[in-house]
Amino acid sequence: MLLEALSSAILGLALAWAAARRLSHRLPARALVLPTGVAGALFGAFLMNTALDAGNLLTILFGAAIVSVASLSLLLRPAGRLRRRSATA
């Protein structure tokens, strides 16, 4: 179980680092992005471990990656400015 937690934390940190490096213009500060990726991966590993009852390490890491990416996607901001149409038109 320790190996699963450590592996998922490292995976979450790597995913968050890659997202912060590639999408830095659309994400908030790196101090928020990195812990969000790790926390998402740990929560995903917990969910998969609970659902599969100590299943395969690869499936647990797969679930950790999915939840980590989903939590990182919640931090994304829109790429461009949103245009509003005038109410008088």
Protein backbone atom coordinates (compact mmCIF):
# COMPACT_ATOMS: atom_id res chain seq x y z
CA MET A 1 0.00 0.00 0.00
CA LEU A 2 2.91 2.32 0.66
CA LEU A 3 4.23 1.64 -2.82
CA GLU A 4 0.85 2.53 -4.32
CA ALA A 5 0.67 5.80 -2.41
CA LEU A 6 4.22 6.81 -3.22
CA SER A 7 3.85 5.86 -6.89
CA SER A 8 0.60 7.76 -7.26
CA ALA A 9 2.04 10.85 -5.53
CA ILE A 10 5.02 10.84 -7.89
CA LEU A 11 2.69 10.33 -10.87
CA GLY A 12 0.49 13.23 -9.75
CA LEU A 13 3.51 15.47 -9.27
CA ALA A 14 4.81 14.59 -12.73
CA LEU A 15 1.42 15.27 -14.34
CA ALA A 16 1.07 18.58 -12.50
CA TRP A 17 4.61 19.62 -13.42
CA ALA A 18 3.98 18.80 -17.09
CA ALA A 19 0.69 20.71 -17.05
CA ALA A 20 2.26 23.71 -15.33
CA ARG A 21 5.09 23.74 -17.82
CA ARG A 22 2.95 23.30 -20.93
CA LEU A 23 -0.11 25.35 -19.93
CA SER A 24 1.45 27.98 -17.68
CA HIS A 25 -0.50 30.79 -19.37
CA ARG A 26 -3.83 29.12 -18.53
CA LEU A 27 -3.11 27.87 -14.99
CA PRO A 28 -2.77 29.72 -11.67
CA ALA A 29 0.48 29.80 -9.69
CA ARG A 30 2.64 26.70 -9.62
CA ALA A 31 2.30 26.60 -5.83
CA LEU A 32 -1.37 25.69 -6.33
CA VAL A 33 -1.02 23.43 -9.37
CA LEU A 34 1.56 21.00 -7.95
CA PRO A 35 -0.28 20.11 -4.72
CA THR A 36 -3.55 19.81 -6.64
CA GLY A 37 -2.03 17.21 -8.94
CA VAL A 38 -0.59 15.22 -6.03
CA ALA A 39 -3.81 15.39 -4.00
CA GLY A 40 -5.87 14.33 -7.02
CA ALA A 41 -3.60 11.36 -7.66
CA LEU A 42 -3.68 10.26 -4.03
CA PHE A 43 -7.46 10.53 -3.97
CA GLY A 44 -7.71 8.58 -7.23
CA ALA A 45 -5.47 5.85 -5.84
CA PHE A 46 -7.62 5.72 -2.72
CA LEU A 47 -10.78 5.39 -4.82
CA MET A 48 -9.35 2.66 -7.00
CA ASN A 49 -7.93 0.79 -4.01
CA THR A 50 -11.31 0.94 -2.29
CA ALA A 51 -13.24 -0.09 -5.39
CA LEU A 52 -10.92 -2.91 -6.44
CA ASP A 53 -9.89 -4.03 -2.93
CA ALA A 54 -6.11 -3.85 -3.33
CA GLY A 55 -6.09 -4.69 -7.02
CA ASN A 56 -3.35 -4.41 -9.58
CA LEU A 57 -0.82 -1.58 -9.23
CA LEU A 58 -1.27 -0.50 -12.86
CA THR A 59 -5.03 -0.11 -12.54
CA ILE A 60 -4.59 1.89 -9.35
CA LEU A 61 -2.09 4.17 -11.08
CA PHE A 62 -4.45 4.50 -14.04
CA GLY A 63 -7.24 5.66 -11.71
CA ALA A 64 -4.82 8.01 -9.96
CA ALA A 65 -3.85 9.57 -13.29
CA ILE A 66 -7.49 10.04 -14.32
CA VAL A 67 -8.48 11.80 -11.10
CA SER A 68 -5.29 13.88 -11.09
CA VAL A 69 -5.89 15.12 -14.64
CA ALA A 70 -9.53 15.80 -13.83
CA SER A 71 -8.61 17.88 -10.80
CA LEU A 72 -5.98 19.78 -12.76
CA SER A 73 -8.49 20.51 -15.50
CA LEU A 74 -10.66 22.33 -12.97
CA LEU A 75 -7.89 24.90 -12.56
CA LEU A 76 -7.77 25.85 -16.24
CA ARG A 77 -8.84 29.32 -17.30
CA PRO A 78 -10.28 30.21 -20.70
CA ALA A 79 -7.69 30.79 -23.41
CA GLY A 80 -9.06 34.02 -24.79
CA ARG A 81 -11.31 36.75 -23.59
CA LEU A 82 -14.98 35.98 -23.69
CA ARG A 83 -16.87 38.35 -25.94
CA ARG A 84 -20.22 39.55 -24.73
CA ARG A 85 -22.86 40.71 -27.08
CA SER A 86 -24.55 43.94 -26.30
CA ALA A 87 -28.09 43.71 -24.98
CA THR A 88 -29.30 46.48 -27.29
CA ALA A 89 -28.64 44.60 -30.53
